[in-house]
Amino acid sequence: MSAQLWTYIMVGVTFAIYIGIAIWSKAGSTKEFYVAGGGVSPLANGMATAADWMSAASFISMAGIIAFAGYDGAVYLMGWTGGYVLLALLLAPYLRKFGKFTVPDFIGERYYSKTARVVAVLCALIVSFTYVAGQMRGVGIVFSRFLEVDIDTGVMIGMFIVLFYAVLGGMKGITYTQVAQYCVLIFAFMVPAFFISFQMTGNPIPQLGMGSTLADGSGTYLLDKLDGLSTELGFSEYTNGSKALVDVFAITLALMVGTAGLPHVIVRFFTVKRVRDARKSAGLALLFIAILYTTAPAIAVFARTKMIETVSNKAYESMPAWFKNWETTGLISHDDKNGDGYIQYVADPAANELTIDRDIMVLANPEIANLPAWVIALVAAGGLAAALSTAAGLLLVISASVSHDLIKNVFNPKLSEKGELWAARMSAVGAVVVAGYFGIHPPDFVAAVVALAFGLAAASFFPAIILGIFYKKMNSQGAISGMVVGILLMVFYMVKFKFGVFDGGREAVAGLKDSWWFGISPEGFGTVAMLVNFAVALIINRFTPDPPEEVQEIVENIRIPSGAGEPTAH
């Protein structure tokens, strides 16, 4: 069978499973819609958390960015992995014990202020919509290649699928769907890695194959060969970094602390019965995440080596089928500048004739390596599972922020449970439409968009959550001021240096690198905005009244390592 037919079968079967689970686990109450009834097992929650965490950025884009950035791409591995550890050990148990469904709920109660709640909702919406834009773009890329539709149509198909099981099942449906999606995505990520590692090095374990010698008997190490191929084309050595140390540090820290402020991940720790179960599911999720994250650098090395060997300085007529298949999507393009019929792939922008979207590297890898058609289809299904699982979690955060934190707790406190559930579902519908728009008009490639979302979370939520848990005298005035200043500073930096809003538009962005503040890229500026947030919050707190005694007692209580009751909705 052809790869396209295999893709139709695998994507159709997996989608049927997701929809079936959503129907089976339909939410009948707000508690089931928001936190899956609070009765999910640690194993299931660990798998669901891993699927929620490993978005299209992890599955599709992370290995792609490492393939092109080499050593510099390690910041994404370090930041995202370290961030999850920070969240699991430092924040999740305390937030679970506090017993609120959402981050705005926590901030509204901890800082005894409707204004704080509204500010937190606005921050959650900005973070979530930025993040979900990357997921919807990932869905569009997969559909555009493997189902031979344009990216816009692919995004719309993904919107419909997510809408179905997110609106129908809520967190209950999403949780059990994400368990299935984790199984699909991890299998899809690992199978081609095993194949290609054995094919190139004779070692089927990709983590070991990356550091092994080639299977051709030459005795050359794979990484040495890739360094040589890179330098021949004018690129820097793959294993050497070129980023400024301050930017590496800033991006890594922004991704780490941004993780700890991501609302769609935090809410997962409310779906289990006890604080102890929250800790268990956090540990299991870290194990499940590590399987993919330790494999991504190997896939990046395999893909980069194969890609250079396959297409660099070859006649266009002799290009393999995979190249022309992806060229129809517009994600690979060439411009024969010197008219010699050959495609020159070199570091010099003036002479380079090949443009490759880094988001295709994982998806194209099985085709480049001539793997069986069913493996190619499996990777397509895995990419969709990764993108859809995170998109669903984000849409639920948006839905809960609007229905629970705004409509229920600010505008209409007397709203019935049935009315709140209806509002949550309608909010999810609206969120899907907006998410689809951002997926069709994304600001950048998937990993960069997601990195900006982490920066926004770091700039807004992290200080408010940390101070809310560990500093009982932190008051509402300080927290609100810090969040507002942090998020506005980050948004300003993004629109200035990522979109060139004040400097001539997107075309001028490349020329603005020399003007970055402190030499820090937009992906890393969340670190600076976070520090400003902390400073503003603590300064304002110093000159304003302490929080009420009962609030300080709550903060003391959540740090006591004892059992906690069921999460409350009010």
Protein backbone atom coordinates (compact mmCIF):
# COMPACT_ATOMS: atom_id res chain seq x y z
CA MET A 1 0.00 0.00 0.00
CA SER A 2 1.07 3.58 -0.58
CA ALA A 3 2.11 5.88 2.27
CA GLN A 4 -0.98 8.00 1.66
CA LEU A 5 -3.34 5.05 1.97
CA TRP A 6 -1.56 3.89 5.12
CA THR A 7 -1.91 7.43 6.47
CA TYR A 8 -5.65 7.49 5.82
CA ILE A 9 -6.00 4.19 7.66
CA MET A 10 -3.86 5.10 10.68
CA VAL A 11 -5.19 8.62 11.08
CA GLY A 12 -8.77 7.35 10.61
CA VAL A 13 -8.34 4.60 13.21
CA THR A 14 -6.70 6.87 15.78
CA PHE A 15 -9.31 9.60 15.29
CA ALA A 16 -12.08 7.03 15.72
CA ILE A 17 -10.47 5.95 19.00
CA TYR A 18 -10.25 9.53 20.25
CA ILE A 19 -13.87 10.27 19.36
CA GLY A 20 -15.03 6.97 20.88
CA ILE A 21 -13.26 7.78 24.14
CA ALA A 22 -14.84 11.25 24.17
CA ILE A 23 -18.32 9.76 23.78
CA TRP A 24 -17.61 7.12 26.45
CA SER A 25 -16.30 9.70 28.94
CA LYS A 26 -18.76 12.52 28.33
CA ALA A 27 -18.66 15.08 31.16
CA GLY A 28 -21.92 15.37 33.08
CA SER A 29 -20.88 17.97 35.67
CA THR A 30 -18.56 20.95 35.98
CA LYS A 31 -16.23 18.89 38.17
CA GLU A 32 -15.91 16.27 35.43
CA PHE A 33 -15.53 19.00 32.79
CA TYR A 34 -12.81 20.90 34.69
CA VAL A 35 -10.87 18.17 36.58
CA ALA A 36 -12.21 14.82 35.28
CA GLY A 37 -14.08 14.26 38.54
CA GLY A 38 -10.81 14.28 40.53
CA GLY A 39 -10.53 10.48 40.37
CA VAL A 40 -7.91 9.74 37.69
CA SER A 41 -5.24 7.17 38.61
CA PRO A 42 -1.59 8.34 38.88
CA LEU A 43 -0.55 6.14 35.92
CA ALA A 44 -3.27 7.45 33.61
CA ASN A 45 -2.67 11.01 34.77
CA GLY A 46 1.07 10.61 34.22
CA MET A 47 0.50 9.51 30.62
CA ALA A 48 -2.08 12.25 30.04
CA THR A 49 0.28 14.86 31.52
CA ALA A 50 3.09 13.66 29.28
CA ALA A 51 0.82 13.91 26.20
CA ASP A 52 -0.37 17.35 27.32
CA TRP A 53 3.23 18.44 27.84
CA MET A 54 4.71 16.97 24.65
CA SER A 55 3.05 19.19 22.12
CA ALA A 56 3.69 19.59 18.42
CA ALA A 57 6.75 21.58 19.48
CA SER A 58 8.23 18.51 21.19
CA PHE A 59 7.21 15.95 18.56
CA ILE A 60 7.49 17.90 15.31
CA SER A 61 9.64 20.93 15.90
CA MET A 62 12.17 20.29 18.67
CA ALA A 63 14.26 17.76 16.74
CA GLY A 64 13.90 20.02 13.70
CA ILE A 65 15.32 23.04 15.47
CA ILE A 66 18.16 20.93 16.92
CA ALA A 67 18.86 19.59 13.42
CA PHE A 68 19.41 23.13 12.15
CA ALA A 69 20.79 24.85 15.26
CA GLY A 70 22.96 21.94 16.44
CA TYR A 71 24.44 22.51 19.87
CA ASP A 72 22.48 25.75 20.28
CA GLY A 73 19.21 23.81 20.06
CA ALA A 74 20.05 22.16 23.38
CA VAL A 75 18.46 25.13 25.18
CA TYR A 76 15.03 23.72 24.32
CA LEU A 77 15.90 20.32 25.77
CA MET A 78 17.36 21.79 28.96
CA GLY A 79 14.66 24.39 29.46
CA TRP A 80 11.61 22.21 28.86
CA THR A 81 12.92 19.19 30.78
CA GLY A 82 14.22 21.24 33.72
CA GLY A 83 11.00 23.22 33.78
CA TYR A 84 8.89 20.14 34.20
CA VAL A 85 11.04 19.01 37.15
CA LEU A 86 10.63 22.47 38.69
CA LEU A 87 6.87 22.32 38.27
CA ALA A 88 6.51 18.78 39.58
CA LEU A 89 8.66 19.23 42.69
CA LEU A 90 8.21 22.88 43.62
CA LEU A 91 4.69 23.88 42.68
CA ALA A 92 2.30 21.07 41.77
CA PRO A 93 1.75 19.57 45.26
CA TYR A 94 1.12 22.98 46.84
CA LEU A 95 -1.28 24.08 44.14
CA ARG A 96 -3.09 20.74 44.41
CA LYS A 97 -3.43 21.17 48.16
CA PHE A 98 -4.80 24.70 47.74
CA GLY A 99 -7.65 22.99 45.89
CA LYS A 100 -8.57 25.25 42.99
CA PHE A 101 -9.37 24.22 39.44
CA THR A 102 -7.41 26.89 37.55
CA VAL A 103 -4.45 29.21 37.93
CA PRO A 104 -6.70 32.33 37.85
CA ASP A 105 -8.80 30.64 40.55
CA PHE A 106 -5.69 30.21 42.70
CA ILE A 107 -4.56 33.79 42.11
CA GLY A 108 -8.04 35.23 42.69
CA GLU A 109 -8.41 33.41 46.03
CA ARG A 110 -4.81 33.74 47.22
CA TYR A 111 -4.74 37.46 46.48
CA TYR A 112 -8.35 38.00 47.68
CA SER A 113 -9.19 40.14 44.67
CA LYS A 114 -11.49 39.99 41.66
CA THR A 115 -9.06 42.30 39.88
CA ALA A 116 -6.27 39.79 40.42
CA ARG A 117 -8.53 37.07 39.02
CA VAL A 118 -9.39 39.11 35.91
CA VAL A 119 -5.72 39.97 35.27
CA ALA A 120 -4.81 36.29 35.65
CA VAL A 121 -7.57 35.30 33.20
CA LEU A 122 -6.28 37.77 30.61
CA CYS A 123 -2.72 36.46 31.08
CA ALA A 124 -3.97 32.85 30.75
CA LEU A 125 -5.76 33.71 27.51
CA ILE A 126 -2.67 35.42 26.03
CA VAL A 127 -0.41 32.49 26.99
CA SER A 128 -2.84 29.82 25.84
CA PHE A 129 -3.70 31.39 22.49
CA THR A 130 0.00 31.91 21.72
CA TYR A 131 0.71 28.30 22.62
CA VAL A 132 -2.24 26.84 20.73
CA ALA A 133 -1.22 28.70 17.55
CA GLY A 134 1.83 26.45 17.38
CA GLN A 135 -0.25 23.31 17.84
CA MET A 136 -2.72 24.18 15.11
CA ARG A 137 0.14 24.97 12.72
CA GLY A 138 1.57 21.53 13.51
CA VAL A 139 -1.77 19.93 12.62
CA GLY A 140 -1.86 21.88 9.35
CA ILE A 141 1.66 20.76 8.39
CA VAL A 142 0.86 17.08 8.93
CA PHE A 143 -2.39 17.23 6.97
CA SER A 144 -0.87 19.28 4.14
CA ARG A 145 1.73 16.62 3.37
CA PHE A 146 0.10 13.32 4.21
CA LEU A 147 -3.52 13.96 3.26
CA GLU A 148 -2.57 16.26 0.38
CA VAL A 149 -4.67 19.21 1.46
CA ASP A 150 -3.43 22.75 1.96
CA ILE A 151 -2.32 23.84 5.43
CA ASP A 152 -5.41 26.00 6.00
CA THR A 153 -7.73 23.05 5.31
CA GLY A 154 -5.60 20.87 7.58
CA VAL A 155 -5.99 23.35 10.42
CA MET A 156 -9.77 23.37 9.96
CA ILE A 157 -9.95 19.56 10.10
CA GLY A 158 -7.91 19.62 13.30
CA MET A 159 -10.22 22.28 14.75
CA PHE A 160 -13.24 20.05 14.21
CA ILE A 161 -11.65 17.00 15.86
CA VAL A 162 -10.44 18.94 18.91
CA LEU A 163 -13.77 20.71 19.20
CA PHE A 164 -15.62 17.42 19.29
CA TYR A 165 -13.84 15.73 22.16
CA ALA A 166 -12.91 18.86 24.13
CA VAL A 167 -16.43 20.29 24.13
CA LEU A 168 -18.16 16.96 24.69
CA GLY A 169 -15.86 15.34 27.25
CA GLY A 170 -14.16 18.28 28.94
CA MET A 171 -11.19 17.30 31.11
CA LYS A 172 -12.64 13.82 31.63
CA GLY A 173 -12.74 13.15 27.89
CA ILE A 174 -9.42 14.90 27.28
CA THR A 175 -7.63 12.92 30.01
CA TYR A 176 -8.47 9.48 28.65
CA THR A 177 -8.02 10.65 25.07
CA GLN A 178 -4.55 11.90 25.99
CA VAL A 179 -3.64 8.49 27.42
CA ALA A 180 -4.36 7.01 23.98
CA GLN A 181 -2.55 9.90 22.28
CA TYR A 182 0.56 9.37 24.41
CA CYS A 183 0.71 5.71 23.34
CA VAL A 184 0.35 6.73 19.69
CA LEU A 185 2.87 9.58 19.74
CA ILE A 186 5.62 7.78 21.66
CA PHE A 187 5.33 4.68 19.46
CA ALA A 188 5.37 6.87 16.35
CA PHE A 189 8.43 8.79 17.57
CA MET A 190 10.48 5.76 18.62
CA VAL A 191 9.86 3.23 15.81
CA PRO A 192 11.54 5.27 13.01
CA ALA A 193 14.31 6.23 15.44
CA PHE A 194 15.09 2.55 16.02
CA PHE A 195 15.02 1.84 12.28
CA ILE A 196 17.25 4.77 11.27
CA SER A 197 19.72 4.30 14.12
CA PHE A 198 20.27 0.67 13.09
CA GLN A 199 20.41 1.64 9.43
CA MET A 200 23.11 4.29 9.95
CA THR A 201 25.19 2.89 12.83
CA GLY A 202 24.20 -0.74 13.37
CA ASN A 203 22.98 0.17 16.88
CA PRO A 204 19.17 0.10 17.24
CA ILE A 205 19.14 2.31 20.36
CA PRO A 206 19.06 5.90 19.03
CA GLN A 207 20.56 7.49 22.15
CA LEU A 208 23.64 5.25 21.70
CA GLY A 209 23.57 5.28 17.91
CA MET A 210 24.03 9.06 17.85
CA GLY A 211 27.48 8.64 19.44
CA SER A 212 28.47 5.49 17.52
CA THR A 213 30.55 4.88 14.42
CA LEU A 214 28.92 4.53 11.02
CA ALA A 215 27.76 1.11 9.83
CA ASP A 216 29.78 1.42 6.58
CA GLY A 217 32.90 0.09 8.28
CA SER A 218 34.84 3.35 7.91
CA GLY A 219 35.24 3.75 11.66
CA THR A 220 34.03 7.36 11.40
CA TYR A 221 31.83 8.58 14.20
CA LEU A 222 28.42 9.86 13.06
CA LEU A 223 28.83 13.23 14.79
CA ASP A 224 32.29 13.69 13.24
CA LYS A 225 30.82 13.04 9.82
CA LEU A 226 28.04 15.57 10.43
CA ASP A 227 30.57 18.16 11.60
CA GLY A 228 32.51 17.60 8.37
CA LEU A 229 29.45 17.85 6.15
CA SER A 230 28.40 21.07 7.91
CA THR A 231 31.78 22.80 7.59
CA GLU A 232 32.08 21.80 3.93
CA LEU A 233 28.91 23.79 3.24
CA GLY A 234 30.09 26.79 5.25
CA PHE A 235 28.03 26.11 8.37
CA SER A 236 29.61 26.04 11.80
CA GLU A 237 30.43 22.65 13.31
CA TYR A 238 27.21 20.93 14.42
CA THR A 239 28.61 20.14 17.86
CA ASN A 240 29.78 23.70 18.54
CA GLY A 241 27.49 26.48 19.75
CA SER A 242 27.34 30.00 18.36
CA LYS A 243 24.71 31.60 20.60
CA ALA A 244 25.83 34.17 23.16
CA LEU A 245 26.03 32.65 26.64
CA VAL A 246 23.62 35.25 28.06
CA ASP A 247 20.98 34.29 25.47
CA VAL A 248 21.45 30.56 26.13
CA PHE A 249 20.95 31.18 29.84
CA ALA A 250 17.96 33.46 29.29
CA ILE A 251 16.14 31.07 26.93
CA THR A 252 16.77 28.07 29.17
CA LEU A 253 15.55 29.87 32.29
CA ALA A 254 12.53 31.35 30.50
CA LEU A 255 11.48 27.90 29.30
CA MET A 256 12.01 26.44 32.78
CA VAL A 257 10.04 28.98 34.77
CA GLY A 258 7.53 29.37 31.97
CA THR A 259 6.77 25.68 32.37
CA ALA A 260 5.96 26.25 36.01
CA GLY A 261 3.42 28.89 35.03
CA LEU A 262 1.66 27.00 32.24
CA PRO A 263 -2.00 26.77 33.19
CA HIS A 264 -2.84 23.73 31.05
CA VAL A 265 -0.14 21.61 32.74
CA ILE A 266 -0.87 22.78 36.29
CA VAL A 267 -4.55 21.85 36.05
CA ARG A 268 -3.58 18.22 35.44
CA PHE A 269 -2.59 17.89 39.11
CA PHE A 270 -6.18 18.52 40.17
CA THR A 271 -7.48 15.45 38.36
CA VAL A 272 -6.15 12.94 40.95
CA LYS A 273 -7.62 12.13 44.36
CA ARG A 274 -4.76 13.01 46.72
CA VAL A 275 -1.62 15.16 46.93
CA ARG A 276 0.39 11.92 47.07
CA ASP A 277 -1.15 10.89 43.75
CA ALA A 278 -0.17 14.26 42.28
CA ARG A 279 3.45 13.56 43.19
CA LYS A 280 3.29 10.03 41.75
CA SER A 281 1.76 11.17 38.48
CA ALA A 282 4.38 13.94 38.21
CA GLY A 283 7.18 11.37 38.55
CA LEU A 284 5.61 8.99 36.04
CA ALA A 285 5.04 11.84 33.58
CA LEU A 286 8.73 12.79 33.84
CA LEU A 287 9.68 9.20 32.93
CA PHE A 288 7.29 9.18 29.97
CA ILE A 289 8.58 12.57 28.79
CA ALA A 290 12.23 11.52 29.10
CA ILE A 291 11.74 8.73 26.55
CA LEU A 292 11.01 11.27 23.81
CA TYR A 293 13.33 14.02 25.00
CA THR A 294 16.41 11.80 25.13
CA THR A 295 15.63 10.53 21.62
CA ALA A 296 15.06 13.93 19.96
CA PRO A 297 18.79 14.88 19.66
CA ALA A 298 19.50 11.54 17.95
CA ILE A 299 16.67 12.03 15.45
CA ALA A 300 18.01 15.54 14.76
CA VAL A 301 21.47 14.15 13.95
CA PHE A 302 20.07 11.37 11.74
CA ALA A 303 17.78 13.77 9.86
CA ARG A 304 20.42 16.46 9.32
CA THR A 305 23.00 13.98 8.04
CA LYS A 306 20.58 12.25 5.70
CA MET A 307 19.19 15.55 4.43
CA ILE A 308 22.61 16.99 3.55
CA GLU A 309 23.70 13.76 1.84
CA THR A 310 20.45 13.53 -0.11
CA VAL A 311 19.91 17.04 -1.48
CA SER A 312 23.05 19.14 -1.18
CA ASN A 313 24.52 20.17 -4.54
CA LYS A 314 22.46 17.65 -6.52
CA ALA A 315 20.71 18.14 -9.86
CA TYR A 316 17.04 18.96 -9.41
CA GLU A 317 16.02 16.19 -11.83
CA SER A 318 17.76 13.61 -9.62
CA MET A 319 16.09 14.72 -6.41
CA PRO A 320 14.41 11.85 -4.52
CA ALA A 321 10.63 11.46 -4.32
CA TRP A 322 10.45 12.71 -0.73
CA PHE A 323 11.88 16.09 -1.79
CA LYS A 324 9.26 16.63 -4.49
CA ASN A 325 6.47 15.36 -2.21
CA TRP A 326 7.30 18.00 0.39
CA GLU A 327 7.91 20.66 -2.25
CA THR A 328 4.20 20.51 -3.15
CA THR A 329 3.39 21.69 0.41
CA GLY A 330 5.54 24.82 0.04
CA LEU A 331 7.60 23.80 3.08
CA ILE A 332 10.62 23.08 0.86
CA SER A 333 11.48 25.42 -1.98
CA HIS A 334 14.46 26.06 -4.24
CA ASP A 335 15.65 28.92 -6.42
CA ASP A 336 18.28 28.07 -9.05
CA LYS A 337 20.08 31.42 -8.81
CA ASN A 338 22.96 30.54 -11.13
CA GLY A 339 20.85 28.53 -13.59
CA ASP A 340 23.11 25.46 -13.58
CA GLY A 341 20.29 22.99 -12.77
CA TYR A 342 21.87 22.07 -9.42
CA ILE A 343 20.60 23.00 -5.98
CA GLN A 344 23.31 24.67 -3.92
CA TYR A 345 22.71 24.25 -0.18
CA VAL A 346 25.28 26.45 1.57
CA ALA A 347 25.52 28.75 4.57
CA ASP A 348 25.97 31.93 2.52
CA PRO A 349 22.45 33.43 2.09
CA ALA A 350 23.44 35.08 -1.18
CA ALA A 351 24.46 31.75 -2.74
CA ASN A 352 22.05 29.38 -0.99
CA GLU A 353 19.34 28.02 -3.29
CA LEU A 354 17.43 25.77 -0.88
CA THR A 355 14.88 26.77 1.76
CA ILE A 356 13.68 24.13 4.23
CA ASP A 357 11.06 24.67 6.93
CA ARG A 358 12.63 23.11 10.02
CA ASP A 359 9.23 21.84 11.16
CA ILE A 360 9.27 19.11 8.51
CA MET A 361 12.43 17.29 9.64
CA VAL A 362 10.82 14.72 11.96
CA LEU A 363 7.89 14.14 9.61
CA ALA A 364 10.10 13.77 6.54
CA ASN A 365 12.76 11.68 8.28
CA PRO A 366 11.20 8.24 7.51
CA GLU A 367 10.81 9.19 3.85
CA ILE A 368 14.40 10.46 3.62
CA ALA A 369 15.59 7.13 5.09
CA ASN A 370 13.36 5.09 2.72
CA LEU A 371 11.51 3.40 5.58
CA PRO A 372 8.32 1.35 4.93
CA ALA A 373 5.12 3.21 4.09
CA TRP A 374 3.44 2.18 7.35
CA VAL A 375 6.23 3.87 9.35
CA ILE A 376 5.70 7.11 7.41
CA ALA A 377 1.97 6.91 8.18
CA LEU A 378 2.67 6.14 11.83
CA VAL A 379 4.74 9.32 12.19
CA ALA A 380 1.89 11.35 10.68
CA ALA A 381 -0.55 9.88 13.21
CA GLY A 382 1.94 10.61 16.02
CA GLY A 383 2.40 14.22 14.98
CA LEU A 384 -1.36 14.72 14.97
CA ALA A 385 -1.67 13.05 18.39
CA ALA A 386 0.97 15.37 19.87
CA ALA A 387 -0.58 18.52 18.45
CA LEU A 388 -4.18 17.62 19.22
CA SER A 389 -3.51 16.48 22.81
CA THR A 390 -1.93 19.79 23.80
CA ALA A 391 -4.42 21.84 21.80
CA ALA A 392 -7.26 20.17 23.69
CA GLY A 393 -5.65 20.89 27.06
CA LEU A 394 -5.10 24.52 26.12
CA LEU A 395 -8.65 24.94 24.86
CA LEU A 396 -9.95 23.59 28.16
CA VAL A 397 -7.86 26.17 30.04
CA ILE A 398 -9.31 28.93 27.87
CA SER A 399 -12.82 27.54 28.37
CA ALA A 400 -12.43 27.27 32.15
CA SER A 401 -10.88 30.75 32.41
CA VAL A 402 -13.84 32.32 30.65
CA SER A 403 -16.70 30.26 32.14
CA HIS A 404 -15.45 29.55 35.67
CA ASP A 405 -13.16 32.48 36.47
CA LEU A 406 -14.93 35.28 34.61
CA ILE A 407 -18.60 34.41 34.12
CA LYS A 408 -19.13 32.38 37.31
CA ASN A 409 -16.82 34.15 39.77
CA VAL A 410 -16.92 37.73 38.50
CA PHE A 411 -20.02 38.51 36.46
CA ASN A 412 -22.68 36.00 37.58
CA PRO A 413 -21.91 34.24 40.90
CA LYS A 414 -25.47 32.79 41.00
CA LEU A 415 -24.98 30.89 37.74
CA SER A 416 -26.20 27.29 38.07
CA GLU A 417 -23.91 24.32 37.47
CA LYS A 418 -25.83 23.49 34.29
CA GLY A 419 -25.44 27.09 33.10
CA GLU A 420 -21.74 27.07 33.89
CA LEU A 421 -21.25 23.82 31.97
CA TRP A 422 -23.07 25.32 28.97
CA ALA A 423 -20.91 28.47 29.21
CA ALA A 424 -17.76 26.30 29.37
CA ARG A 425 -18.72 24.47 26.18
CA MET A 426 -19.59 27.67 24.33
CA SER A 427 -16.28 29.19 25.47
CA ALA A 428 -14.49 26.16 24.04
CA VAL A 429 -16.23 26.67 20.69
CA GLY A 430 -15.11 30.29 20.56
CA ALA A 431 -11.59 29.32 21.60
CA VAL A 432 -11.33 26.74 18.79
CA VAL A 433 -12.29 29.35 16.20
CA VAL A 434 -9.66 31.82 17.44
CA ALA A 435 -7.06 29.02 17.71
CA GLY A 436 -7.76 28.05 14.12
CA TYR A 437 -7.16 31.62 12.96
CA PHE A 438 -3.77 31.71 14.70
CA GLY A 439 -2.94 28.30 13.24
CA ILE A 440 -3.58 29.62 9.73
CA HIS A 441 -1.61 32.84 10.44
CA PRO A 442 1.19 31.69 12.81
CA PRO A 443 3.90 34.12 13.95
CA ASP A 444 6.76 31.63 13.39
CA PHE A 445 7.70 27.96 13.24
CA VAL A 446 6.15 25.72 15.89
CA ALA A 447 8.94 25.60 18.52
CA ALA A 448 9.51 29.37 18.38
CA VAL A 449 5.80 30.11 18.86
CA VAL A 450 5.69 27.74 21.82
CA ALA A 451 8.85 29.29 23.29
CA LEU A 452 7.14 32.70 23.19
CA ALA A 453 4.20 31.22 25.11
CA PHE A 454 6.61 29.98 27.79
CA GLY A 455 8.15 33.44 27.98
CA LEU A 456 4.71 34.97 28.48
CA ALA A 457 3.93 32.45 31.25
CA ALA A 458 7.26 33.20 32.93
CA ALA A 459 6.66 36.94 32.72
CA SER A 460 3.15 36.79 34.18
CA PHE A 461 2.33 33.74 36.31
CA PHE A 462 5.54 32.38 37.77
CA PRO A 463 6.30 35.19 40.24
CA ALA A 464 2.66 35.42 41.38
CA ILE A 465 2.51 31.65 42.00
CA ILE A 466 5.90 31.40 43.74
CA LEU A 467 5.27 34.40 45.99
CA GLY A 468 1.71 33.23 46.60
CA ILE A 469 2.97 29.92 47.97
CA PHE A 470 6.21 30.83 49.72
CA TYR A 471 5.74 34.44 50.90
CA LYS A 472 2.65 34.78 53.05
CA LYS A 473 2.91 38.59 53.26
CA MET A 474 2.66 39.03 49.51
CA ASN A 475 -0.41 41.17 48.88
CA SER A 476 -2.80 41.69 45.98
CA GLN A 477 -1.46 45.11 44.99
CA GLY A 478 2.04 43.75 44.50
CA ALA A 479 0.96 40.62 42.65
CA ILE A 480 -1.37 42.50 40.29
CA SER A 481 1.25 45.18 39.53
CA GLY A 482 3.92 42.56 38.85
CA MET A 483 1.72 40.53 36.50
CA VAL A 484 0.58 43.57 34.53
CA VAL A 485 4.08 45.00 34.11
CA GLY A 486 5.61 41.58 33.32
CA ILE A 487 3.10 40.57 30.63
CA LEU A 488 3.08 44.01 29.00
CA LEU A 489 6.87 44.14 28.85
CA MET A 490 7.03 40.69 27.27
CA VAL A 491 4.30 41.49 24.74
CA PHE A 492 6.07 44.75 23.81
CA TYR A 493 9.37 42.95 23.27
CA MET A 494 7.68 40.26 21.17
CA VAL A 495 5.87 42.66 18.84
CA LYS A 496 8.99 44.83 18.50
CA PHE A 497 11.63 42.19 17.83
CA LYS A 498 9.58 39.24 16.55
CA PHE A 499 7.10 41.07 14.33
CA GLY A 500 8.94 44.36 13.74
CA VAL A 501 5.76 46.31 14.54
CA PHE A 502 7.68 49.50 15.32
CA ASP A 503 10.50 48.99 12.81
CA GLY A 504 9.08 48.20 9.37
CA GLY A 505 7.30 44.86 9.77
CA ARG A 506 8.32 41.19 9.56
CA GLU A 507 10.84 41.83 6.77
CA ALA A 508 12.91 44.02 9.11
CA VAL A 509 13.10 41.48 11.96
CA ALA A 510 16.38 39.86 10.83
CA GLY A 511 18.11 43.24 11.00
CA LEU A 512 16.98 43.90 14.56
CA LYS A 513 19.18 41.25 16.24
CA ASP A 514 21.91 43.78 16.99
CA SER A 515 19.32 45.86 18.86
CA TRP A 516 18.18 43.10 21.25
CA TRP A 517 18.23 44.33 24.84
CA PHE A 518 21.20 42.81 26.70
CA GLY A 519 21.73 40.57 23.66
CA ILE A 520 18.67 38.47 24.57
CA SER A 521 16.33 37.07 21.91
CA PRO A 522 12.52 37.31 22.17
CA GLU A 523 12.43 33.59 23.09
CA GLY A 524 14.60 34.33 26.14
CA PHE A 525 13.22 37.70 27.16
CA GLY A 526 10.69 36.07 29.46
CA THR A 527 13.56 35.77 31.96
CA VAL A 528 14.04 39.55 32.03
CA ALA A 529 10.30 40.23 32.19
CA MET A 530 9.99 37.72 35.05
CA LEU A 531 12.72 39.47 37.06
CA VAL A 532 10.99 42.80 36.47
CA ASN A 533 7.72 41.21 37.65
CA PHE A 534 9.39 40.04 40.87
CA ALA A 535 10.96 43.47 41.45
CA VAL A 536 7.74 45.41 40.85
CA ALA A 537 5.68 43.02 43.00
CA LEU A 538 8.07 43.19 45.96
CA ILE A 539 8.49 46.99 45.76
CA ILE A 540 4.75 47.64 45.59
CA ASN A 541 4.19 45.09 48.37
CA ARG A 542 6.67 46.98 50.58
CA PHE A 543 4.57 50.16 50.49
CA THR A 544 1.07 48.66 50.69
CA PRO A 545 -0.83 46.85 53.50
CA ASP A 546 -0.18 43.19 54.37
CA PRO A 547 -2.78 40.64 53.27
CA PRO A 548 -5.53 39.68 55.74
CA GLU A 549 -4.60 37.27 58.54
CA GLU A 550 -6.88 34.54 57.22
CA VAL A 551 -5.06 34.61 53.86
CA GLN A 552 -1.70 34.33 55.61
CA GLU A 553 -3.03 31.33 57.54
CA ILE A 554 -4.10 29.64 54.29
CA VAL A 555 -0.59 30.13 52.90
CA GLU A 556 0.91 28.62 56.06
CA ASN A 557 -1.45 25.66 55.81
CA ILE A 558 -0.75 24.72 52.16
CA ARG A 559 2.95 24.33 53.00
CA ILE A 560 2.21 21.70 55.66
CA PRO A 561 2.83 18.23 54.11
CA SER A 562 -0.45 16.59 55.00
CA GLY A 563 -3.41 15.20 53.03
CA ALA A 564 -5.83 17.50 51.31
CA GLY A 565 -9.51 17.25 50.58
CA GLU A 566 -11.30 17.44 47.29
CA PRO A 567 -10.68 20.52 45.14
CA THR A 568 -13.41 23.10 45.47
CA ALA A 569 -15.10 25.07 42.73
CA HIS A 570 -16.06 28.06 44.83
